[in-house]
PDB file of all heavy atoms in Angstrom:
ATOM      1  N   ARG A   1     -22.686 -23.744-178.349  1.00  0.00           N
ATOM      2  CA  ARG A   1     -21.783 -24.470-177.456  1.00  0.00           C
ATOM      3  C   ARG A   1     -22.502 -24.795-176.160  1.00  0.00           C
ATOM      4  O   ARG A   1     -22.927 -23.920-175.430  1.00  0.00           O
ATOM      5  CB  ARG A   1     -20.554 -23.623-177.165  1.00  0.00           C
ATOM      6  CG  ARG A   1     -19.664 -23.389-178.379  1.00  0.00           C
ATOM      7  CD  ARG A   1     -18.544 -22.431-178.038  1.00  0.00           C
ATOM      8  NE  ARG A   1     -17.768 -22.916-176.899  1.00  0.00           N
ATOM      9  CZ  ARG A   1     -16.882 -22.165-176.247  1.00  0.00           C
ATOM     10  NH1 ARG A   1     -16.678 -20.909-176.601  1.00  0.00           N
ATOM     11  NH2 ARG A   1     -16.208 -22.675-175.230  1.00  0.00           N
ATOM     12  N   VAL A   2     -22.655 -26.099-175.876  1.00  0.00           N
ATOM     13  CA  VAL A   2     -23.367 -26.487-174.666  1.00  0.00           C
ATOM     14  C   VAL A   2     -22.473 -26.414-173.437  1.00  0.00           C
ATOM     15  O   VAL A   2     -22.951 -26.473-172.320  1.00  0.00           O
ATOM     16  CB  VAL A   2     -23.943 -27.918-174.817  1.00  0.00           C
ATOM     17  CG1 VAL A   2     -24.956 -27.942-175.930  1.00  0.00           C
ATOM     18  CG2 VAL A   2     -22.833 -28.932-175.074  1.00  0.00           C
ATOM     19  N   ASP A   3     -21.174 -26.324-173.639  1.00  0.00           N
ATOM     20  CA  ASP A   3     -20.265 -26.222-172.513  1.00  0.00           C
ATOM     21  C   ASP A   3     -19.724 -24.801-172.389  1.00  0.00           C
ATOM     22  O   ASP A   3     -18.606 -24.579-171.941  1.00  0.00           O
ATOM     23  CB  ASP A   3     -19.100 -27.200-172.663  1.00  0.00           C
ATOM     24  CG  ASP A   3     -18.320 -26.961-173.956  1.00  0.00           C
ATOM     25  OD1 ASP A   3     -18.860 -26.275-174.852  1.00  0.00           O
ATOM     26  OD2 ASP A   3     -17.173 -27.459-174.048  1.00  0.00           O
ATOM     27  N   ALA A   4     -20.557 -23.821-172.815  1.00  0.00           N
ATOM     28  CA  ALA A   4     -20.082 -22.430-172.866  1.00  0.00           C
ATOM     29  C   ALA A   4     -19.871 -21.886-171.466  1.00  0.00           C
ATOM     30  O   ALA A   4     -20.638 -22.181-170.542  1.00  0.00           O
ATOM     31  CB  ALA A   4     -21.093 -21.562-173.602  1.00  0.00           C
ATOM     32  N   PRO A   5     -18.817 -21.095-171.270  1.00  0.00           N
ATOM     33  CA  PRO A   5     -18.644 -20.412-169.986  1.00  0.00           C
ATOM     34  C   PRO A   5     -19.629 -19.266-169.858  1.00  0.00           C
ATOM     35  O   PRO A   5     -20.307 -18.900-170.816  1.00  0.00           O
ATOM     36  CB  PRO A   5     -17.202 -19.890-170.073  1.00  0.00           C
ATOM     37  CG  PRO A   5     -16.969 -19.703-171.539  1.00  0.00           C
ATOM     38  CD  PRO A   5     -17.745 -20.805-172.221  1.00  0.00           C
ATOM     39  N   MET A   6     -19.695 -18.663-168.667  1.00  0.00           N
ATOM     40  CA  MET A   6     -20.619 -17.556-168.438  1.00  0.00           C
ATOM     41  C   MET A   6     -20.258 -16.384-169.338  1.00  0.00           C
ATOM     42  O   MET A   6     -19.094 -16.036-169.488  1.00  0.00           O
ATOM     43  CB  MET A   6     -20.574 -17.112-166.974  1.00  0.00           C
ATOM     44  CG  MET A   6     -21.171 -18.117-166.008  1.00  0.00           C
ATOM     45  SD  MET A   6     -21.194 -17.516-164.319  1.00  0.00           S
ATOM     46  CE  MET A   6     -22.320 -16.153-164.465  1.00  0.00           C
ATOM     47  N   GLY A   7     -21.277 -15.770-169.938  1.00  0.00           N
ATOM     48  CA  GLY A   7     -21.057 -14.577-170.749  1.00  0.00           C
ATOM     49  C   GLY A   7     -20.837 -14.868-172.213  1.00  0.00           C
ATOM     50  O   GLY A   7     -20.454 -13.983-172.966  1.00  0.00           O
ATOM     51  N   THR A   8     -21.074 -16.117-172.688  1.00  0.00           N
ATOM     52  CA  THR A   8     -20.839 -16.426-174.096  1.00  0.00           C
ATOM     53  C   THR A   8     -21.854 -15.758-174.998  1.00  0.00           C
ATOM     54  O   THR A   8     -21.518 -15.152-176.014  1.00  0.00           O
ATOM     55  CB  THR A   8     -20.868 -17.948-174.300  1.00  0.00           C
ATOM     56  OG1 THR A   8     -19.797 -18.517-173.565  1.00  0.00           O
ATOM     57  CG2 THR A   8     -20.703 -18.287-175.767  1.00  0.00           C
ATOM     58  N   THR A   9     -23.131 -15.886-174.636  1.00  0.00           N
ATOM     59  CA  THR A   9     -24.180 -15.294-175.465  1.00  0.00           C
ATOM     60  C   THR A   9     -24.249 -13.800-175.177  1.00  0.00           C
ATOM     61  O   THR A   9     -24.740 -13.381-174.139  1.00  0.00           O
ATOM     62  CB  THR A   9     -25.544 -15.946-175.166  1.00  0.00           C
ATOM     63  OG1 THR A   9     -25.430 -17.353-175.335  1.00  0.00           O
ATOM     64  CG2 THR A   9     -26.609 -15.403-176.098  1.00  0.00           C
ATOM     65  N   GLU A  10     -23.742 -13.009-176.101  1.00  0.00           N
ATOM     66  CA  GLU A  10     -23.676 -11.563-175.893  1.00  0.00           C
ATOM     67  C   GLU A  10     -24.814 -10.825-176.574  1.00  0.00           C
ATOM     68  O   GLU A  10     -25.139  -9.717-176.201  1.00  0.00           O
ATOM     69  CB  GLU A  10     -22.333 -11.028-176.394  1.00  0.00           C
ATOM     70  CG  GLU A  10     -21.150 -11.578-175.612  1.00  0.00           C
ATOM     71  CD  GLU A  10     -19.849 -10.956-176.037  1.00  0.00           C
ATOM     72  OE1 GLU A  10     -19.874 -10.120-176.968  1.00  0.00           O
ATOM     73  OE2 GLU A  10     -18.807 -11.291-175.447  1.00  0.00           O
ATOM     74  N   VAL A  11     -25.399 -11.400-177.622  1.00  0.00           N
ATOM     75  CA  VAL A  11     -26.514 -10.768-178.304  1.00  0.00           C
ATOM     76  C   VAL A  11     -27.651 -11.766-178.391  1.00  0.00           C
ATOM     77  O   VAL A  11     -27.472 -12.959-178.172  1.00  0.00           O
ATOM     78  CB  VAL A  11     -26.109 -10.285-179.724  1.00  0.00           C
ATOM     79  CG1 VAL A  11     -25.058  -9.198-179.633  1.00  0.00           C
ATOM     80  CG2 VAL A  11     -25.593 -11.445-180.562  1.00  0.00           C
ATOM     81  N   GLY A  12     -28.856 -11.275-178.714  1.00  0.00           N
ATOM     82  CA  GLY A  12     -30.004 -12.161-178.810  1.00  0.00           C
ATOM     83  C   GLY A  12     -29.967 -12.977-180.092  1.00  0.00           C
ATOM     84  O   GLY A  12     -30.230 -12.468-181.175  1.00  0.00           O
ATOM     85  N   GLU A  13     -29.598 -14.257-179.984  1.00  0.00           N
ATOM     86  CA  GLU A  13     -29.537 -15.142-181.139  1.00  0.00           C
ATOM     87  C   GLU A  13     -30.904 -15.807-181.322  1.00  0.00           C
ATOM     88  O   GLU A  13     -31.519 -16.249-180.355  1.00  0.00           O
ATOM     89  CB  GLU A  13     -28.442 -16.177-180.950  1.00  0.00           C
ATOM     90  CG  GLU A  13     -27.059 -15.549-180.747  1.00  0.00           C
ATOM     91  CD  GLU A  13     -25.995 -16.579-180.437  1.00  0.00           C
ATOM     92  OE1 GLU A  13     -26.317 -17.779-180.510  1.00  0.00           O
ATOM     93  OE2 GLU A  13     -24.861 -16.186-180.137  1.00  0.00           O
ATOM     94  N   THR A  14     -31.391 -15.880-182.558  1.00  0.00           N
ATOM     95  CA  THR A  14     -32.729 -16.394-182.828  1.00  0.00           C
ATOM     96  C   THR A  14     -32.668 -17.669-183.659  1.00  0.00           C
ATOM     97  O   THR A  14     -31.789 -17.845-184.507  1.00  0.00           O
ATOM     98  CB  THR A  14     -33.576 -15.351-183.574  1.00  0.00           C
ATOM     99  OG1 THR A  14     -32.931 -15.017-184.805  1.00  0.00           O
ATOM    100  CG2 THR A  14     -33.741 -14.089-182.737  1.00  0.00           C
ATOM    101  N   TYR A  15     -33.652 -18.540-183.415  1.00  0.00           N
ATOM    102  CA  TYR A  15     -33.779 -19.806-184.132  1.00  0.00           C
ATOM    103  C   TYR A  15     -35.262 -20.038-184.402  1.00  0.00           C
ATOM    104  O   TYR A  15     -36.119 -19.611-183.625  1.00  0.00           O
ATOM    105  CB  TYR A  15     -33.198 -20.957-183.309  1.00  0.00           C
ATOM    106  CG  TYR A  15     -31.824 -20.662-182.757  1.00  0.00           C
ATOM    107  CD1 TYR A  15     -31.687 -20.128-181.469  1.00  0.00           C
ATOM    108  CD2 TYR A  15     -30.695 -20.885-183.505  1.00  0.00           C
ATOM    109  CE1 TYR A  15     -30.439 -19.834-180.956  1.00  0.00           C
ATOM    110  CE2 TYR A  15     -29.429 -20.588-183.001  1.00  0.00           C
ATOM    111  CZ  TYR A  15     -29.311 -20.065-181.731  1.00  0.00           C
ATOM    112  OH  TYR A  15     -28.070 -19.756-181.227  1.00  0.00           O
ATOM    113  N   ARG A  16     -35.560 -20.712-185.474  1.00  0.00           N
ATOM    114  CA  ARG A  16     -36.947 -20.927-185.889  1.00  0.00           C
ATOM    115  C   ARG A  16     -37.353 -22.380-185.676  1.00  0.00           C
ATOM    116  O   ARG A  16     -36.572 -23.296-185.903  1.00  0.00           O
ATOM    117  CB  ARG A  16     -37.142 -20.522-187.350  1.00  0.00           C
ATOM    118  CG  ARG A  16     -36.904 -19.046-187.582  1.00  0.00           C
ATOM    119  CD  ARG A  16     -37.175 -18.632-189.026  1.00  0.00           C
ATOM    120  NE  ARG A  16     -36.956 -17.205-189.191  1.00  0.00           N
ATOM    121  CZ  ARG A  16     -37.856 -16.268-188.958  1.00  0.00           C
ATOM    122  NH1 ARG A  16     -39.064 -16.634-188.553  1.00  0.00           N
ATOM    123  NH2 ARG A  16     -37.574 -14.993-189.114  1.00  0.00           N
ATOM    124  N   LEU A  17     -38.626 -22.530-185.271  1.00  0.00           N
ATOM    125  CA  LEU A  17     -39.158 -23.857-184.970  1.00  0.00           C
ATOM    126  C   LEU A  17     -40.627 -23.890-185.371  1.00  0.00           C
ATOM    127  O   LEU A  17     -41.374 -22.945-185.105  1.00  0.00           O
ATOM    128  CB  LEU A  17     -39.004 -24.160-183.472  1.00  0.00           C
ATOM    129  CG  LEU A  17     -39.573 -25.485-182.956  1.00  0.00           C
ATOM    130  CD1 LEU A  17     -38.794 -26.640-183.543  1.00  0.00           C
ATOM    131  CD2 LEU A  17     -39.501 -25.524-181.437  1.00  0.00           C
ATOM    132  N   GLN A  18     -41.049 -24.959-186.012  1.00  0.00           N
ATOM    133  CA  GLN A  18     -42.452 -25.123-186.403  1.00  0.00           C
ATOM    134  C   GLN A  18     -43.076 -26.202-185.536  1.00  0.00           C
ATOM    135  O   GLN A  18     -42.579 -27.332-185.482  1.00  0.00           O
ATOM    136  CB  GLN A  18     -42.565 -25.506-187.881  1.00  0.00           C
ATOM    137  CG  GLN A  18     -44.008 -25.506-188.405  1.00  0.00           C
ATOM    138  CD  GLN A  18     -44.603 -24.108-188.451  1.00  0.00           C
ATOM    139  OE1 GLN A  18     -43.992 -23.195-188.989  1.00  0.00           O
ATOM    140  NE2 GLN A  18     -45.796 -23.952-187.905  1.00  0.00           N
ATOM    141  N   LEU A  19     -44.154 -25.838-184.860  1.00  0.00           N
ATOM    142  CA  LEU A  19     -44.854 -26.784-183.990  1.00  0.00           C
ATOM    143  C   LEU A  19     -46.138 -27.218-184.670  1.00  0.00           C
ATOM    144  O   LEU A  19     -46.914 -26.386-185.169  1.00  0.00           O
ATOM    145  CB  LEU A  19     -45.162 -26.126-182.635  1.00  0.00           C
ATOM    146  CG  LEU A  19     -45.754 -27.031-181.562  1.00  0.00           C
ATOM    147  CD1 LEU A  19     -44.771 -28.129-181.183  1.00  0.00           C
ATOM    148  CD2 LEU A  19     -46.112 -26.225-180.328  1.00  0.00           C
ATOM    149  N   GLN A  20     -46.352 -28.507-184.718  1.00  0.00           N
ATOM    150  CA  GLN A  20     -47.521 -29.039-185.402  1.00  0.00           C
ATOM    151  C   GLN A  20     -48.811 -28.530-184.741  1.00  0.00           C
ATOM    152  O   GLN A  20     -48.948 -28.555-183.524  1.00  0.00           O
ATOM    153  CB  GLN A  20     -47.493 -30.573-185.377  1.00  0.00           C
ATOM    154  CG  GLN A  20     -48.585 -31.221-186.209  1.00  0.00           C
ATOM    155  CD  GLN A  20     -48.460 -32.731-186.228  1.00  0.00           C
ATOM    156  OE1 GLN A  20     -47.562 -33.291-185.587  1.00  0.00           O
ATOM    157  NE2 GLN A  20     -49.333 -33.399-186.957  1.00  0.00           N
ATOM    158  N   GLY A  21     -49.743 -28.066-185.573  1.00  0.00           N
ATOM    159  CA  GLY A  21     -50.997 -27.535-185.080  1.00  0.00           C
ATOM    160  C   GLY A  21     -51.012 -26.034-184.924  1.00  0.00           C
ATOM    161  O   GLY A  21     -52.046 -25.457-184.572  1.00  0.00           O
ATOM    162  N   LEU A  22     -49.880 -25.379-185.170  1.00  0.00           N
ATOM    163  CA  LEU A  22     -49.796 -23.927-185.092  1.00  0.00           C
ATOM    164  C   LEU A  22     -49.568 -23.338-186.475  1.00  0.00           C
ATOM    165  O   LEU A  22     -48.706 -23.804-187.220  1.00  0.00           O
ATOM    166  CB  LEU A  22     -48.647 -23.489-184.171  1.00  0.00           C
ATOM    167  CG  LEU A  22     -48.856 -23.597-182.662  1.00  0.00           C
ATOM    168  CD1 LEU A  22     -47.616 -23.113-181.940  1.00  0.00           C
ATOM    169  CD2 LEU A  22     -50.068 -22.810-182.213  1.00  0.00           C
ATOM    170  N   GLU A  23     -50.375 -22.327-186.827  1.00  0.00           N
ATOM    171  CA  GLU A  23     -50.179 -21.660-188.101  1.00  0.00           C
ATOM    172  C   GLU A  23     -48.963 -20.740-188.075  1.00  0.00           C
ATOM    173  O   GLU A  23     -48.277 -20.573-189.079  1.00  0.00           O
ATOM    174  CB  GLU A  23     -51.428 -20.860-188.475  1.00  0.00           C
ATOM    175  CG  GLU A  23     -52.668 -21.711-188.694  1.00  0.00           C
ATOM    176  CD  GLU A  23     -53.868 -20.889-189.090  1.00  0.00           C
ATOM    177  OE1 GLU A  23     -53.713 -19.631-189.175  1.00  0.00           O
ATOM    178  OE2 GLU A  23     -54.948 -21.464-189.299  1.00  0.00           O
ATOM    179  N   ARG A  24     -48.716 -20.135-186.937  1.00  0.00           N
ATOM    180  CA  ARG A  24     -47.591 -19.217-186.820  1.00  0.00           C
ATOM    181  C   ARG A  24     -46.302 -19.996-186.537  1.00  0.00           C
ATOM    182  O   ARG A  24     -46.294 -20.986-185.813  1.00  0.00           O
ATOM    183  CB  ARG A  24     -47.835 -18.198-185.707  1.00  0.00           C
ATOM    184  CG  ARG A  24     -48.994 -17.245-185.965  1.00  0.00           C
ATOM    185  CD  ARG A  24     -49.176 -16.332-184.769  1.00  0.00           C
ATOM    186  NE  ARG A  24     -50.306 -15.427-184.924  1.00  0.00           N
ATOM    187  CZ  ARG A  24     -50.212 -14.182-185.357  1.00  0.00           C
ATOM    188  NH1 ARG A  24     -49.015 -13.696-185.691  1.00  0.00           N
ATOM    189  NH2 ARG A  24     -51.274 -13.418-185.466  1.00  0.00           N
ATOM    190  N   GLU A  25     -45.207 -19.483-187.059  1.00  0.00           N
ATOM    191  CA  GLU A  25     -43.911 -20.064-186.799  1.00  0.00           C
ATOM    192  C   GLU A  25     -43.391 -19.568-185.449  1.00  0.00           C
ATOM    193  O   GLU A  25     -43.643 -18.431-185.056  1.00  0.00           O
ATOM    194  CB  GLU A  25     -42.934 -19.682-187.916  1.00  0.00           C
ATOM    195  CG  GLU A  25     -41.618 -20.421-187.853  1.00  0.00           C
ATOM    196  CD  GLU A  25     -40.705 -20.067-189.013  1.00  0.00           C
ATOM    197  OE1 GLU A  25     -40.776 -18.903-189.464  1.00  0.00           O
ATOM    198  OE2 GLU A  25     -39.939 -20.922-189.467  1.00  0.00           O
ATOM    199  N   ILE A  26     -42.660 -20.430-184.752  1.00  0.00           N
ATOM    200  CA  ILE A  26     -42.092 -20.066-183.461  1.00  0.00           C
ATOM    201  C   ILE A  26     -40.663 -19.593-183.677  1.00  0.00           C
ATOM    202  O   ILE A  26     -39.858 -20.264-184.323  1.00  0.00           O
ATOM    203  CB  ILE A  26     -42.103 -21.267-182.495  1.00  0.00           C
ATOM    204  CG1 ILE A  26     -43.553 -21.748-182.268  1.00  0.00           C
ATOM    205  CG2 ILE A  26     -41.460 -20.892-181.166  1.00  0.00           C
ATOM    206  CD1 ILE A  26     -43.635 -23.014-181.437  1.00  0.00           C
ATOM    207  N   VAL A  27     -40.368 -18.428-183.139  1.00  0.00           N
ATOM    208  CA  VAL A  27     -39.010 -17.879-183.178  1.00  0.00           C
ATOM    209  C   VAL A  27     -38.474 -17.897-181.758  1.00  0.00           C
ATOM    210  O   VAL A  27     -39.001 -17.239-180.863  1.00  0.00           O
ATOM    211  CB  VAL A  27     -38.996 -16.447-183.748  1.00  0.00           C
ATOM    212  CG1 VAL A  27     -37.581 -15.871-183.682  1.00  0.00           C
ATOM    213  CG2 VAL A  27     -39.492 -16.435-185.185  1.00  0.00           C
ATOM    214  N   ILE A  28     -37.416 -18.681-181.553  1.00  0.00           N
ATOM    215  CA  ILE A  28     -36.817 -18.815-180.232  1.00  0.00           C
ATOM    216  C   ILE A  28     -35.606 -17.899-180.154  1.00  0.00           C
ATOM    217  O   ILE A  28     -34.733 -17.931-181.021  1.00  0.00           O
ATOM    218  CB  ILE A  28     -36.407 -20.270-179.959  1.00  0.00           C
ATOM    219  CG1 ILE A  28     -37.649 -21.175-180.016  1.00  0.00           C
ATOM    220  CG2 ILE A  28     -35.731 -20.392-178.598  1.00  0.00           C
ATOM    221  CD1 ILE A  28     -37.333 -22.637-179.796  1.00  0.00           C
ATOM    222  N   THR A  29     -35.554 -17.082-179.114  1.00  0.00           N
ATOM    223  CA  THR A  29     -34.460 -16.125-178.935  1.00  0.00           C
ATOM    224  C   THR A  29     -33.686 -16.464-177.671  1.00  0.00           C
ATOM    225  O   THR A  29     -34.263 -16.554-176.582  1.00  0.00           O
ATOM    226  CB  THR A  29     -35.003 -14.685-178.839  1.00  0.00           C
ATOM    227  OG1 THR A  29     -35.735 -14.385-180.025  1.00  0.00           O
ATOM    228  CG2 THR A  29     -33.853 -13.691-178.696  1.00  0.00           C
ATOM    229  N   ASP A  30     -32.375 -16.677-177.844  1.00  0.00           N
ATOM    230  CA  ASP A  30     -31.497 -16.888-176.703  1.00  0.00           C
ATOM    231  C   ASP A  30     -30.980 -15.530-176.227  1.00  0.00           C
ATOM    232  O   ASP A  30     -30.670 -14.662-177.040  1.00  0.00           O
ATOM    233  CB  ASP A  30     -30.328 -17.789-177.099  1.00  0.00           C
ATOM    234  CG  ASP A  30     -29.551 -18.277-175.882  1.00  0.00           C
ATOM    235  OD1 ASP A  30     -30.025 -18.051-174.757  1.00  0.00           O
ATOM    236  OD2 ASP A  30     -28.473 -18.880-176.083  1.00  0.00           O
ATOM    237  N   THR A  31     -30.901 -15.339-174.936  1.00  0.00           N
ATOM    238  CA  THR A  31     -30.488 -14.040-174.382  1.00  0.00           C
ATOM    239  C   THR A  31     -29.228 -14.204-173.545  1.00  0.00           C
ATOM    240  O   THR A  31     -28.938 -15.300-173.046  1.00  0.00           O
ATOM    241  CB  THR A  31     -31.596 -13.441-173.502  1.00  0.00           C
ATOM    242  OG1 THR A  31     -31.836 -14.305-172.387  1.00  0.00           O
ATOM    243  CG2 THR A  31     -32.878 -13.256-174.293  1.00  0.00           C
ATOM    244  N   PRO A  32     -28.486 -13.125-173.374  1.00  0.00           N
ATOM    245  CA  PRO A  32     -27.340 -13.191-172.455  1.00  0.00           C
ATOM    246  C   PRO A  32     -27.810 -13.483-171.040  1.00  0.00           C
ATOM    247  O   PRO A  32     -28.944 -13.200-170.659  1.00  0.00           O
ATOM    248  CB  PRO A  32     -26.733 -11.782-172.560  1.00  0.00           C
ATOM    249  CG  PRO A  32     -27.248 -11.221-173.837  1.00  0.00           C
ATOM    250  CD  PRO A  32     -28.592 -11.816-174.040  1.00  0.00           C
ATOM    251  N   GLY A  33     -26.924 -14.063-170.253  1.00  0.00           N
ATOM    252  CA  GLY A  33     -27.272 -14.391-168.879  1.00  0.00           C
ATOM    253  C   GLY A  33     -27.390 -13.156-168.005  1.00  0.00           C
ATOM    254  O   GLY A  33     -26.736 -12.141-168.231  1.00  0.00           O
ATOM    255  N   ILE A  34     -28.242 -13.249-167.008  1.00  0.00           N
ATOM    256  CA  ILE A  34     -28.410 -12.148-166.060  1.00  0.00           C
ATOM    257  C   ILE A  34     -27.542 -12.396-164.838  1.00  0.00           C
ATOM    258  O   ILE A  34     -27.006 -13.487-164.637  1.00  0.00           O
ATOM    259  CB  ILE A  34     -29.892 -11.998-165.653  1.00  0.00           C
ATOM    260  CG1 ILE A  34     -30.376 -13.257-164.932  1.00  0.00           C
ATOM    261  CG2 ILE A  34     -30.751 -11.704-166.879  1.00  0.00           C
ATOM    262  CD1 ILE A  34     -31.775 -13.132-164.350  1.00  0.00           C
ATOM    263  N   LEU A  35     -27.400 -11.357-164.030  1.00  0.00           N
ATOM    264  CA  LEU A  35     -26.671 -11.410-162.757  1.00  0.00           C
ATOM    265  C   LEU A  35     -25.196 -11.715-162.963  1.00  0.00           C
ATOM    266  O   LEU A  35     -24.559 -12.371-162.113  1.00  0.00           O
ATOM    267  CB  LEU A  35     -27.299 -12.449-161.809  1.00  0.00           C
ATOM    268  CG  LEU A  35     -28.807 -12.318-161.560  1.00  0.00           C
ATOM    269  CD1 LEU A  35     -29.295 -13.421-160.651  1.00  0.00           C
ATOM    270  CD2 LEU A  35     -29.123 -10.957-160.982  1.00  0.00           C
ATOM    271  N   GLU A  36     -24.622 -11.261-164.081  1.00  0.00           N
ATOM    272  CA  GLU A  36     -23.193 -11.435-164.309  1.00  0.00           C
ATOM    273  C   GLU A  36     -22.440 -10.233-163.765  1.00  0.00           C
ATOM    274  O   GLU A  36     -22.959  -9.118-163.730  1.00  0.00           O
ATOM    275  CB  GLU A  36     -22.909 -11.609-165.798  1.00  0.00           C
ATOM    276  CG  GLU A  36     -23.540 -12.865-166.384  1.00  0.00           C
ATOM    277  CD  GLU A  36     -23.306 -12.982-167.878  1.00  0.00           C
ATOM    278  OE1 GLU A  36     -22.604 -12.121-168.428  1.00  0.00           O
ATOM    279  OE2 GLU A  36     -23.832 -13.929-168.491  1.00  0.00           O
ATOM    280  N   ALA A  37     -21.207 -10.451-163.367  1.00  0.00           N
ATOM    281  CA  ALA A  37     -20.412  -9.394-162.740  1.00  0.00           C
ATOM    282  C   ALA A  37     -19.813  -8.479-163.794  1.00  0.00           C
ATOM    283  O   ALA A  37     -19.658  -8.847-164.962  1.00  0.00           O
ATOM    284  CB  ALA A  37     -19.296 -10.012-161.898  1.00  0.00           C
ATOM    285  N   GLY A  38     -19.472  -7.257-163.359  1.00  0.00           N
ATOM    286  CA  GLY A  38     -18.773  -6.322-164.227  1.00  0.00           C
ATOM    287  C   GLY A  38     -19.702  -5.449-165.035  1.00  0.00           C
ATOM    288  O   GLY A  38     -20.921  -5.689-165.126  1.00  0.00           O
ATOM    289  N   VAL A  39     -19.096  -4.431-165.655  1.00  0.00           N
ATOM    290  CA  VAL A  39     -19.868  -3.505-166.482  1.00  0.00           C
ATOM    291  C   VAL A  39     -20.441  -4.210-167.699  1.00  0.00           C
ATOM    292  O   VAL A  39     -21.591  -4.002-168.081  1.00  0.00           O
ATOM    293  CB  VAL A  39     -18.968  -2.318-166.913  1.00  0.00           C
ATOM    294  CG1 VAL A  39     -19.735  -1.389-167.841  1.00  0.00           C
ATOM    295  CG2 VAL A  39     -18.452  -1.567-165.693  1.00  0.00           C
ATOM    296  N   ALA A  40     -19.621  -5.086-168.320  1.00  0.00           N
ATOM    297  CA  ALA A  40     -20.100  -5.811-169.495  1.00  0.00           C
ATOM    298  C   ALA A  40     -21.283  -6.703-169.143  1.00  0.00           C
ATOM    299  O   ALA A  40     -22.249  -6.822-169.909  1.00  0.00           O
ATOM    300  CB  ALA A  40     -18.961  -6.634-170.093  1.00  0.00           C
ATOM    301  N   GLY A  41     -21.208  -7.340-167.963  1.00  0.00           N
ATOM    302  CA  GLY A  41     -22.327  -8.182-167.542  1.00  0.00           C
ATOM    303  C   GLY A  41     -23.595  -7.385-167.318  1.00  0.00           C
ATOM    304  O   GLY A  41     -24.703  -7.831-167.661  1.00  0.00           O
ATOM    305  N   THR A  42     -23.458  -6.182-166.768  1.00  0.00           N
ATOM    306  CA  THR A  42     -24.621  -5.321-166.555  1.00  0.00           C
ATOM    307  C   THR A  42     -25.256  -4.916-167.880  1.00  0.00           C
ATOM    308  O   THR A  42     -26.488  -4.909-168.015  1.00  0.00           O
ATOM    309  CB  THR A  42     -24.216  -4.069-165.766  1.00  0.00           C
ATOM    310  OG1 THR A  42     -23.636  -4.463-164.522  1.00  0.00           O
ATOM    311  CG2 THR A  42     -25.419  -3.183-165.498  1.00  0.00           C
ATOM    312  N   GLU A  43     -24.424  -4.605-168.863  1.00  0.00           N
ATOM    313  CA  GLU A  43     -24.945  -4.226-170.175  1.00  0.00           C
ATOM    314  C   GLU A  43     -25.649  -5.405-170.843  1.00  0.00           C
ATOM    315  O   GLU A  43     -26.692  -5.247-171.469  1.00  0.00           O
ATOM    316  CB  GLU A  43     -23.809  -3.716-171.065  1.00  0.00           C
ATOM    317  CG  GLU A  43     -23.208  -2.392-170.602  1.00  0.00           C
ATOM    318  CD  GLU A  43     -24.243  -1.285-170.591  1.00  0.00           C
ATOM    319  OE1 GLU A  43     -25.073  -1.238-171.520  1.00  0.00           O
ATOM    320  OE2 GLU A  43     -24.222  -0.466-169.639  1.00  0.00           O
ATOM    321  N   ARG A  44     -25.077  -6.610-170.714  1.00  0.00           N
ATOM    322  CA  ARG A  44     -25.725  -7.791-171.303  1.00  0.00           C
ATOM    323  C   ARG A  44     -27.059  -8.069-170.621  1.00  0.00           C
ATOM    324  O   ARG A  44     -28.026  -8.495-171.261  1.00  0.00           O
ATOM    325  CB  ARG A  44     -24.798  -9.007-171.190  1.00  0.00           C
ATOM    326  CG  ARG A  44     -23.626  -8.969-172.153  1.00  0.00           C
ATOM    327  CD  ARG A  44     -22.947 -10.328-172.230  1.00  0.00           C
ATOM    328  NE  ARG A  44     -22.324 -10.700-170.969  1.00  0.00           N
ATOM    329  CZ  ARG A  44     -21.066 -10.426-170.645  1.00  0.00           C
ATOM    330  NH1 ARG A  44     -20.300  -9.754-171.495  1.00  0.00           N
ATOM    331  NH2 ARG A  44     -20.568 -10.808-169.481  1.00  0.00           N
ATOM    332  N   GLU A  45     -27.128  -7.821-169.307  1.00  0.00           N
ATOM    333  CA  GLU A  45     -28.392  -8.045-168.600  1.00  0.00           C
ATOM    334  C   GLU A  45     -29.464  -7.070-169.075  1.00  0.00           C
ATOM    335  O   GLU A  45     -30.639  -7.429-169.190  1.00  0.00           O
ATOM    336  CB  GLU A  45     -28.179  -7.915-167.096  1.00  0.00           C
ATOM    337  CG  GLU A  45     -29.464  -8.153-166.306  1.00  0.00           C
ATOM    338  CD  GLU A  45     -29.214  -8.246-164.813  1.00  0.00           C
ATOM    339  OE1 GLU A  45     -28.054  -8.438-164.404  1.00  0.00           O
ATOM    340  OE2 GLU A  45     -30.194  -8.132-164.061  1.00  0.00           O
ATOM    341  N   LYS A  46     -29.086  -5.820-169.346  1.00  0.00           N
ATOM    342  CA  LYS A  46     -30.051  -4.854-169.876  1.00  0.00           C
ATOM    343  C   LYS A  46     -30.626  -5.343-171.197  1.00  0.00           C
ATOM    344  O   LYS A  46     -31.834  -5.231-171.443  1.00  0.00           O
ATOM    345  CB  LYS A  46     -29.381  -3.491-170.052  1.00  0.00           C
ATOM    346  CG  LYS A  46     -29.060  -2.763-168.758  1.00  0.00           C
ATOM    347  CD  LYS A  46     -28.424  -1.412-169.044  1.00  0.00           C
ATOM    348  CE  LYS A  46     -28.095  -0.672-167.750  1.00  0.00           C
ATOM    349  NZ  LYS A  46     -27.452   0.650-168.018  1.00  0.00           N
ATOM    350  N   LEU A  47     -29.751  -5.883-172.058  1.00  0.00           N
ATOM    351  CA  LEU A  47     -30.220  -6.418-173.331  1.00  0.00           C
ATOM    352  C   LEU A  47     -31.157  -7.597-173.114  1.00  0.00           C
ATOM    353  O   LEU A  47     -32.203  -7.717-173.771  1.00  0.00           O
ATOM    354  CB  LEU A  47     -29.014  -6.844-174.183  1.00  0.00           C
ATOM    355  CG  LEU A  47     -29.343  -7.577-175.492  1.00  0.00           C
ATOM    356  CD1 LEU A  47     -30.175  -6.687-176.416  1.00  0.00           C
ATOM    357  CD2 LEU A  47     -28.061  -8.033-176.189  1.00  0.00           C
ATOM    358  N   ALA A  48     -30.800  -8.482-172.178  1.00  0.00           N
ATOM    359  CA  ALA A  48     -31.640  -9.649-171.906  1.00  0.00           C
ATOM    360  C   ALA A  48     -33.019  -9.235-171.405  1.00  0.00           C
ATOM    361  O   ALA A  48     -34.049  -9.784-171.830  1.00  0.00           O
ATOM    362  CB  ALA A  48     -30.949 -10.549-170.877  1.00  0.00           C
TER     363      ALA A  48
END
């Protein structure tokens, strides 16, 4: 969701991408946002 509110990404979501000229595959990991308020935000920041 590109219009996601703060705190949507709660776990590290991964996506794969192949870049021409590279033998290794690229794994892109999305992380929860940092500097969010509350206990839940602090825990998500630790994960990030």
